[in-house]
Amino acid sequence: MAWDLNSDRPIYSQILEEIQTRIICGIYRPGERLPSVRELAAEASVNPNTMQRAFSELERSGLILTQRSSGRMVTEDTQMIAHAKHEIAVSQIRAFFESMKALGYGSEEILKLIHENQEEGVH
């Protein structure tokens, strides 16, 4: 099944975010071997070069490592994974507050809305 990618942002950055999410959510576990570039490119319905670019960024960040004989692996550094999770959460919170402020809400109003609706978002 193709990944849900859209044209308003670079495809490689959306792929990077999807793989990061899979790592921080435990779909790809610490120390686990990742599918090959070609396998993931086919799954996402993208060019392998685009997938390779996303993998290169993930390698630079340290979330994945390349081992010549074993392919690419998720880092075993659980603190690094937890830090990435925290950074993504903070980024999403900031984007949410910016959107709400663009609608005219102040910080107190936003927090009140969150408290009023917090149970609806919990599954």
C-alpha atoms as a PDB file:
ATOM      1  CA  MET A   1       0.000   0.000   0.000  1.00  0.00           C
ATOM      2  CA  ALA A   2       1.374   3.409  -1.001  1.00  0.00           C
ATOM      3  CA  TRP A   3       2.240   5.895   1.714  1.00  0.00           C
ATOM      4  CA  ASP A   4       0.113   9.015   2.138  1.00  0.00           C
ATOM      5  CA  LEU A   5       2.461  11.590   0.602  1.00  0.00           C
ATOM      6  CA  ASN A   6       1.356  14.965  -0.686  1.00  0.00           C
ATOM      7  CA  SER A   7       2.841  17.548  -3.001  1.00  0.00           C
ATOM      8  CA  ASP A   8       2.926  20.551  -0.665  1.00  0.00           C
ATOM      9  CA  ARG A   9       6.255  19.509   0.889  1.00  0.00           C
ATOM     10  CA  PRO A  10       9.326  17.691  -0.425  1.00  0.00           C
ATOM     11  CA  ILE A  11       8.642  13.948  -0.720  1.00  0.00           C
ATOM     12  CA  TYR A  12      11.976  12.952   0.840  1.00  0.00           C
ATOM     13  CA  SER A  13      11.193  14.969   3.993  1.00  0.00           C
ATOM     14  CA  GLN A  14       7.784  13.286   4.291  1.00  0.00           C
ATOM     15  CA  ILE A  15       9.480   9.897   3.903  1.00  0.00           C
ATOM     16  CA  LEU A  16      12.056  10.876   6.520  1.00  0.00           C
ATOM     17  CA  GLU A  17       9.244  11.815   8.933  1.00  0.00           C
ATOM     18  CA  GLU A  18       7.393   8.549   8.263  1.00  0.00           C
ATOM     19  CA  ILE A  19      10.479   6.447   8.989  1.00  0.00           C
ATOM     20  CA  GLN A  20      11.250   8.556  12.100  1.00  0.00           C
ATOM     21  CA  THR A  21       7.693   7.968  13.283  1.00  0.00           C
ATOM     22  CA  ARG A  22       8.020   4.235  12.693  1.00  0.00           C
ATOM     23  CA  ILE A  23      11.209   4.249  14.772  1.00  0.00           C
ATOM     24  CA  ILE A  24       9.898   6.312  17.688  1.00  0.00           C
ATOM     25  CA  CYS A  25       6.621   4.366  17.780  1.00  0.00           C
ATOM     26  CA  GLY A  26       8.476   1.049  17.892  1.00  0.00           C
ATOM     27  CA  ILE A  27       7.439  -0.308  14.504  1.00  0.00           C
ATOM     28  CA  TYR A  28      11.179  -0.428  13.757  1.00  0.00           C
ATOM     29  CA  ARG A  29      12.809  -1.363  17.069  1.00  0.00           C
ATOM     30  CA  PRO A  30      16.268  -0.377  18.365  1.00  0.00           C
ATOM     31  CA  GLY A  31      18.921  -2.531  16.708  1.00  0.00           C
ATOM     32  CA  GLU A  32      16.468  -3.909  14.136  1.00  0.00           C
ATOM     33  CA  ARG A  33      17.432  -4.206  10.484  1.00  0.00           C
ATOM     34  CA  LEU A  34      15.420  -1.900   8.224  1.00  0.00           C
ATOM     35  CA  PRO A  35      13.904  -2.959   4.909  1.00  0.00           C
ATOM     36  CA  SER A  36      16.104  -2.114   1.927  1.00  0.00           C
ATOM     37  CA  VAL A  37      15.866   1.169   0.039  1.00  0.00           C
ATOM     38  CA  ARG A  38      14.250  -0.641  -2.872  1.00  0.00           C
ATOM     39  CA  GLU A  39      11.696  -2.408  -0.666  1.00  0.00           C
ATOM     40  CA  LEU A  40      10.642   0.797   1.067  1.00  0.00           C
ATOM     41  CA  ALA A  41      10.654   2.762  -2.201  1.00  0.00           C
ATOM     42  CA  ALA A  42       8.297   0.186  -3.704  1.00  0.00           C
ATOM     43  CA  GLU A  43       6.078   0.289  -0.596  1.00  0.00           C
ATOM     44  CA  ALA A  44       5.940   4.111  -0.687  1.00  0.00           C
ATOM     45  CA  SER A  45       5.626   4.235  -4.501  1.00  0.00           C
ATOM     46  CA  VAL A  46       8.610   6.562  -4.853  1.00  0.00           C
ATOM     47  CA  ASN A  47      11.887   6.567  -6.737  1.00  0.00           C
ATOM     48  CA  PRO A  48      14.643   4.666  -4.863  1.00  0.00           C
ATOM     49  CA  ASN A  49      16.850   7.781  -5.110  1.00  0.00           C
ATOM     50  CA  THR A  50      14.248   9.729  -3.121  1.00  0.00           C
ATOM     51  CA  MET A  51      14.180   7.001  -0.467  1.00  0.00           C
ATOM     52  CA  GLN A  52      17.991   6.964  -0.411  1.00  0.00           C
ATOM     53  CA  ARG A  53      18.019  10.714   0.257  1.00  0.00           C
ATOM     54  CA  ALA A  54      15.718  10.242   3.261  1.00  0.00           C
ATOM     55  CA  PHE A  55      17.914   7.388   4.533  1.00  0.00           C
ATOM     56  CA  SER A  56      21.005   9.596   4.208  1.00  0.00           C
ATOM     57  CA  GLU A  57      19.354  12.274   6.361  1.00  0.00           C
ATOM     58  CA  LEU A  58      18.389   9.661   8.965  1.00  0.00           C
ATOM     59  CA  GLU A  59      21.981   8.397   8.988  1.00  0.00           C
ATOM     60  CA  ARG A  60      23.264  11.941   9.540  1.00  0.00           C
ATOM     61  CA  SER A  61      20.863  12.307  12.479  1.00  0.00           C
ATOM     62  CA  GLY A  62      22.145   9.035  13.959  1.00  0.00           C
ATOM     63  CA  LEU A  63      18.734   7.325  14.088  1.00  0.00           C
ATOM     64  CA  ILE A  64      19.880   4.710  11.593  1.00  0.00           C
ATOM     65  CA  LEU A  65      23.290   3.201  11.013  1.00  0.00           C
ATOM     66  CA  THR A  66      24.732   1.448   7.990  1.00  0.00           C
ATOM     67  CA  GLN A  67      26.636  -1.771   8.532  1.00  0.00           C
ATOM     68  CA  ARG A  68      28.301  -3.137   5.423  1.00  0.00           C
ATOM     69  CA  SER A  69      27.396  -6.758   5.972  1.00  0.00           C
ATOM     70  CA  SER A  70      23.950  -6.237   7.545  1.00  0.00           C
ATOM     71  CA  GLY A  71      22.438  -3.240   5.795  1.00  0.00           C
ATOM     72  CA  ARG A  72      20.796  -0.400   7.675  1.00  0.00           C
ATOM     73  CA  MET A  73      19.840  -0.757  11.313  1.00  0.00           C
ATOM     74  CA  VAL A  74      17.921   1.385  13.791  1.00  0.00           C
ATOM     75  CA  THR A  75      20.230   2.818  16.433  1.00  0.00           C
ATOM     76  CA  GLU A  76      20.305   0.974  19.740  1.00  0.00           C
ATOM     77  CA  ASP A  77      20.590   4.338  21.529  1.00  0.00           C
ATOM     78  CA  THR A  78      17.158   4.522  23.157  1.00  0.00           C
ATOM     79  CA  GLN A  79      17.959   7.971  24.593  1.00  0.00           C
ATOM     80  CA  MET A  80      18.499   9.281  21.050  1.00  0.00           C
ATOM     81  CA  ILE A  81      15.150   7.805  19.994  1.00  0.00           C
ATOM     82  CA  ALA A  82      13.446   9.343  23.047  1.00  0.00           C
ATOM     83  CA  HIS A  83      15.039  12.705  22.230  1.00  0.00           C
ATOM     84  CA  ALA A  84      13.782  12.509  18.622  1.00  0.00           C
ATOM     85  CA  LYS A  85      10.296  11.688  19.925  1.00  0.00           C
ATOM     86  CA  HIS A  86      10.410  14.684  22.258  1.00  0.00           C
ATOM     87  CA  GLU A  87      11.589  17.015  19.479  1.00  0.00           C
ATOM     88  CA  ILE A  88       8.780  15.909  17.159  1.00  0.00           C
ATOM     89  CA  ALA A  89       6.207  16.365  19.938  1.00  0.00           C
ATOM     90  CA  VAL A  90       7.459  19.888  20.716  1.00  0.00           C
ATOM     91  CA  SER A  91       7.400  20.764  17.019  1.00  0.00           C
ATOM     92  CA  GLN A  92       3.798  19.579  16.685  1.00  0.00           C
ATOM     93  CA  ILE A  93       2.740  21.492  19.794  1.00  0.00           C
ATOM     94  CA  ARG A  94       4.324  24.685  18.479  1.00  0.00           C
ATOM     95  CA  ALA A  95       2.621  24.260  15.104  1.00  0.00           C
ATOM     96  CA  PHE A  96      -0.719  23.677  16.870  1.00  0.00           C
ATOM     97  CA  PHE A  97      -0.337  26.838  18.973  1.00  0.00           C
ATOM     98  CA  GLU A  98       0.633  28.865  15.884  1.00  0.00           C
ATOM     99  CA  SER A  99      -2.474  27.620  14.051  1.00  0.00           C
ATOM    100  CA  MET A 100      -4.737  28.376  16.987  1.00  0.00           C
ATOM    101  CA  LYS A 101      -3.254  31.853  17.439  1.00  0.00           C
ATOM    102  CA  ALA A 102      -3.821  32.476  13.723  1.00  0.00           C
ATOM    103  CA  LEU A 103      -7.493  31.738  14.438  1.00  0.00           C
ATOM    104  CA  GLY A 104      -7.435  34.442  17.095  1.00  0.00           C
ATOM    105  CA  TYR A 105      -7.153  32.338  20.245  1.00  0.00           C
ATOM    106  CA  GLY A 106      -4.929  33.398  23.133  1.00  0.00           C
ATOM    107  CA  SER A 107      -2.824  30.971  25.153  1.00  0.00           C
ATOM    108  CA  GLU A 108      -5.335  30.719  28.003  1.00  0.00           C
ATOM    109  CA  GLU A 109      -8.202  30.071  25.579  1.00  0.00           C
ATOM    110  CA  ILE A 110      -6.189  27.378  23.816  1.00  0.00           C
ATOM    111  CA  LEU A 111      -5.400  25.610  27.085  1.00  0.00           C
ATOM    112  CA  LYS A 112      -9.056  25.825  28.125  1.00  0.00           C
ATOM    113  CA  LEU A 113     -10.114  24.234  24.816  1.00  0.00           C
ATOM    114  CA  ILE A 114      -7.537  21.496  25.278  1.00  0.00           C
ATOM    115  CA  HIS A 115      -8.827  20.685  28.760  1.00  0.00           C
ATOM    116  CA  GLU A 116     -12.432  20.731  27.601  1.00  0.00           C
ATOM    117  CA  ASN A 117     -11.708  18.364  24.728  1.00  0.00           C
ATOM    118  CA  GLN A 118      -8.932  16.200  26.124  1.00  0.00           C
ATOM    119  CA  GLU A 119     -11.093  13.121  26.716  1.00  0.00           C
ATOM    120  CA  GLU A 120     -12.362  13.139  23.110  1.00  0.00           C
ATOM    121  CA  GLY A 121      -8.854  12.679  21.726  1.00  0.00           C
ATOM    122  CA  VAL A 122      -7.941   9.784  24.016  1.00  0.00           C
ATOM    123  CA  HIS A 123      -8.715   6.317  22.659  1.00  0.00           C
END
